[in-house]
N, C-alpha and C. Protein backbone atom coordinates (compact mmCIF):
# COMPACT_ATOMS: atom_id res chain seq x y z
N ARG A 1 -16.41 9.17 5.31
CA ARG A 1 -16.81 8.59 6.52
C ARG A 1 -17.27 9.66 7.52
N ALA A 2 -16.54 10.75 7.57
CA ALA A 2 -16.94 11.83 8.52
C ALA A 2 -18.29 12.34 8.32
N ALA A 3 -18.83 12.37 7.06
CA ALA A 3 -20.12 12.98 6.74
C ALA A 3 -21.25 11.97 7.30
N MET A 4 -20.85 10.77 7.53
CA MET A 4 -21.88 9.70 8.02
C MET A 4 -21.89 9.71 9.54
N CYS A 5 -21.06 10.40 10.20
CA CYS A 5 -20.98 10.24 11.70
C CYS A 5 -22.27 10.55 12.41
N ASN A 6 -22.96 11.58 11.94
CA ASN A 6 -24.23 12.04 12.58
C ASN A 6 -25.42 11.44 11.93
N ALA A 7 -25.30 10.51 11.05
CA ALA A 7 -26.48 9.84 10.43
C ALA A 7 -27.29 9.07 11.42
N PRO A 8 -28.60 9.05 11.24
CA PRO A 8 -29.42 8.32 12.19
C PRO A 8 -29.18 6.81 12.21
N VAL A 9 -28.74 6.29 11.03
CA VAL A 9 -28.41 4.86 10.87
C VAL A 9 -26.93 4.73 10.50
N HIS A 10 -26.25 3.96 11.20
CA HIS A 10 -24.76 3.80 10.98
C HIS A 10 -24.45 2.58 10.14
N ALA A 11 -24.59 2.84 8.92
CA ALA A 11 -24.23 1.69 7.95
C ALA A 11 -22.70 1.69 7.79
N PRO A 12 -22.17 0.49 7.59
CA PRO A 12 -20.69 0.37 7.40
C PRO A 12 -20.30 1.18 6.11
N VAL A 13 -19.13 1.91 6.32
CA VAL A 13 -18.65 2.65 5.17
C VAL A 13 -17.24 2.07 4.82
N PHE A 14 -17.05 1.61 3.63
CA PHE A 14 -15.85 1.06 3.18
C PHE A 14 -15.04 2.10 2.33
N GLY A 15 -13.83 2.33 2.61
CA GLY A 15 -13.01 3.30 1.89
C GLY A 15 -12.09 2.64 0.97
N TYR A 16 -12.29 2.98 -0.35
CA TYR A 16 -11.36 2.46 -1.47
C TYR A 16 -10.81 3.68 -2.20
N ILE A 17 -9.53 3.50 -2.59
CA ILE A 17 -8.91 4.49 -3.40
C ILE A 17 -8.42 3.77 -4.67
N ALA A 18 -8.86 4.31 -5.84
CA ALA A 18 -8.62 3.73 -7.11
C ALA A 18 -8.35 4.86 -8.11
N GLY A 19 -7.77 4.59 -9.22
CA GLY A 19 -7.50 5.50 -10.30
C GLY A 19 -6.38 6.50 -10.01
N ILE A 20 -5.49 6.20 -9.14
CA ILE A 20 -4.38 7.07 -8.82
C ILE A 20 -3.37 7.06 -9.97
N GLY A 21 -2.84 8.26 -10.28
CA GLY A 21 -1.90 8.42 -11.30
C GLY A 21 -2.44 8.23 -12.71
N GLY A 22 -3.71 8.52 -12.85
CA GLY A 22 -4.40 8.33 -14.13
C GLY A 22 -4.74 6.91 -14.47
N ARG A 23 -4.57 5.97 -13.63
CA ARG A 23 -5.00 4.59 -13.94
C ARG A 23 -6.47 4.59 -14.15
N ASP A 24 -6.84 3.73 -15.15
CA ASP A 24 -8.29 3.50 -15.35
C ASP A 24 -8.95 2.68 -14.24
N VAL A 25 -10.16 3.09 -14.00
CA VAL A 25 -10.97 2.28 -13.02
C VAL A 25 -11.96 1.44 -13.93
N THR A 26 -11.49 0.26 -14.26
CA THR A 26 -12.20 -0.58 -15.19
C THR A 26 -13.32 -1.33 -14.51
N PRO A 27 -14.16 -2.01 -15.29
CA PRO A 27 -15.16 -2.84 -14.71
C PRO A 27 -14.55 -3.97 -13.80
N GLU A 28 -13.34 -4.45 -14.23
CA GLU A 28 -12.67 -5.45 -13.38
C GLU A 28 -12.27 -4.91 -12.03
N VAL A 29 -11.85 -3.67 -11.97
CA VAL A 29 -11.46 -3.02 -10.68
C VAL A 29 -12.74 -2.90 -9.91
N LEU A 30 -13.87 -2.47 -10.47
CA LEU A 30 -15.03 -2.27 -9.71
C LEU A 30 -15.56 -3.65 -9.11
N GLU A 31 -15.38 -4.68 -9.99
CA GLU A 31 -15.72 -6.04 -9.52
C GLU A 31 -14.91 -6.42 -8.33
N GLU A 32 -13.61 -6.14 -8.36
CA GLU A 32 -12.65 -6.47 -7.26
C GLU A 32 -13.15 -5.76 -6.00
N ILE A 33 -13.51 -4.47 -6.13
CA ILE A 33 -13.94 -3.68 -4.99
C ILE A 33 -15.23 -4.31 -4.46
N TYR A 34 -16.12 -4.69 -5.39
CA TYR A 34 -17.38 -5.29 -4.93
C TYR A 34 -17.16 -6.50 -4.10
N TRP A 35 -16.30 -7.43 -4.67
CA TRP A 35 -16.09 -8.70 -3.97
C TRP A 35 -15.37 -8.56 -2.62
N LYS A 36 -14.40 -7.57 -2.60
CA LYS A 36 -13.74 -7.33 -1.34
C LYS A 36 -14.69 -6.86 -0.27
N THR A 37 -15.67 -5.97 -0.71
CA THR A 37 -16.65 -5.47 0.27
C THR A 37 -17.62 -6.57 0.68
N LYS A 38 -18.08 -7.28 -0.26
CA LYS A 38 -19.06 -8.38 -0.04
C LYS A 38 -18.50 -9.42 0.92
N ASN A 39 -17.18 -9.80 0.80
CA ASN A 39 -16.55 -10.74 1.58
C ASN A 39 -15.94 -10.28 2.86
N SER A 40 -16.19 -9.02 3.22
CA SER A 40 -15.67 -8.45 4.49
C SER A 40 -16.77 -8.36 5.48
N ALA A 41 -16.44 -8.76 6.69
CA ALA A 41 -17.40 -8.77 7.79
C ALA A 41 -17.60 -7.30 8.26
N ALA A 42 -16.58 -6.47 8.16
CA ALA A 42 -16.67 -5.08 8.64
C ALA A 42 -15.54 -4.31 7.83
N PRO A 43 -15.74 -2.96 7.75
CA PRO A 43 -14.73 -2.13 7.03
C PRO A 43 -13.36 -2.12 7.75
N GLU A 44 -12.32 -1.95 6.98
CA GLU A 44 -11.00 -1.80 7.55
C GLU A 44 -10.96 -0.36 8.15
N ARG A 45 -10.11 -0.12 9.13
CA ARG A 45 -9.93 1.18 9.71
C ARG A 45 -9.30 2.16 8.67
N GLU A 46 -8.47 1.61 7.87
CA GLU A 46 -7.79 2.44 6.85
C GLU A 46 -8.35 2.24 5.46
N SER A 47 -8.18 3.23 4.59
CA SER A 47 -8.64 3.03 3.24
C SER A 47 -7.86 1.94 2.48
N ILE A 48 -8.50 1.22 1.54
CA ILE A 48 -7.82 0.20 0.78
C ILE A 48 -7.54 0.72 -0.54
N TRP A 49 -6.23 0.64 -0.91
CA TRP A 49 -5.68 1.13 -2.20
C TRP A 49 -5.81 0.00 -3.17
N ILE A 50 -6.41 0.35 -4.32
CA ILE A 50 -6.61 -0.59 -5.35
C ILE A 50 -5.77 -0.27 -6.64
N GLY A 51 -5.08 -1.25 -7.22
CA GLY A 51 -4.43 -1.07 -8.43
C GLY A 51 -3.00 -0.35 -8.41
N LEU A 52 -2.41 -0.40 -7.28
CA LEU A 52 -1.02 0.10 -7.05
C LEU A 52 -0.04 -0.93 -7.55
N GLN A 53 0.99 -0.39 -8.04
CA GLN A 53 2.13 -1.22 -8.42
C GLN A 53 3.09 -1.28 -7.21
N GLU A 54 3.64 -2.44 -6.93
CA GLU A 54 4.63 -2.55 -5.88
C GLU A 54 5.89 -2.06 -6.27
N VAL A 55 6.59 -1.26 -5.40
CA VAL A 55 7.87 -0.69 -5.69
C VAL A 55 8.90 -1.31 -4.76
N ARG A 56 9.95 -1.86 -5.42
CA ARG A 56 10.99 -2.60 -4.58
C ARG A 56 12.22 -1.72 -4.70
N HIS A 57 12.86 -1.46 -3.55
CA HIS A 57 14.06 -0.68 -3.40
C HIS A 57 15.21 -1.61 -3.26
N GLY A 58 16.28 -1.37 -3.96
CA GLY A 58 17.48 -2.16 -3.75
C GLY A 58 17.35 -3.58 -4.29
N SER A 59 18.52 -4.31 -4.11
CA SER A 59 18.48 -5.75 -4.53
C SER A 59 19.18 -6.59 -3.53
C-alpha cells in the first residue's frame, strides 16, 4: 500500500495474507480472495487473513 501512495492514480489496494505456516495457496483460496475483492465496495483498513484456523482457549 505504501508504494502506491505517490502514484498518479489512486486505485484501491486490497491486502490479503495467505499461505502462513506453509499452508498451500490453492486455486480455491485464490477464488475466495477474488470474490471477496469483487464483492467489496472498498478495501478494509487492515489486511485480511485467509486460511487461518480458529484457536479456542479453555472450555
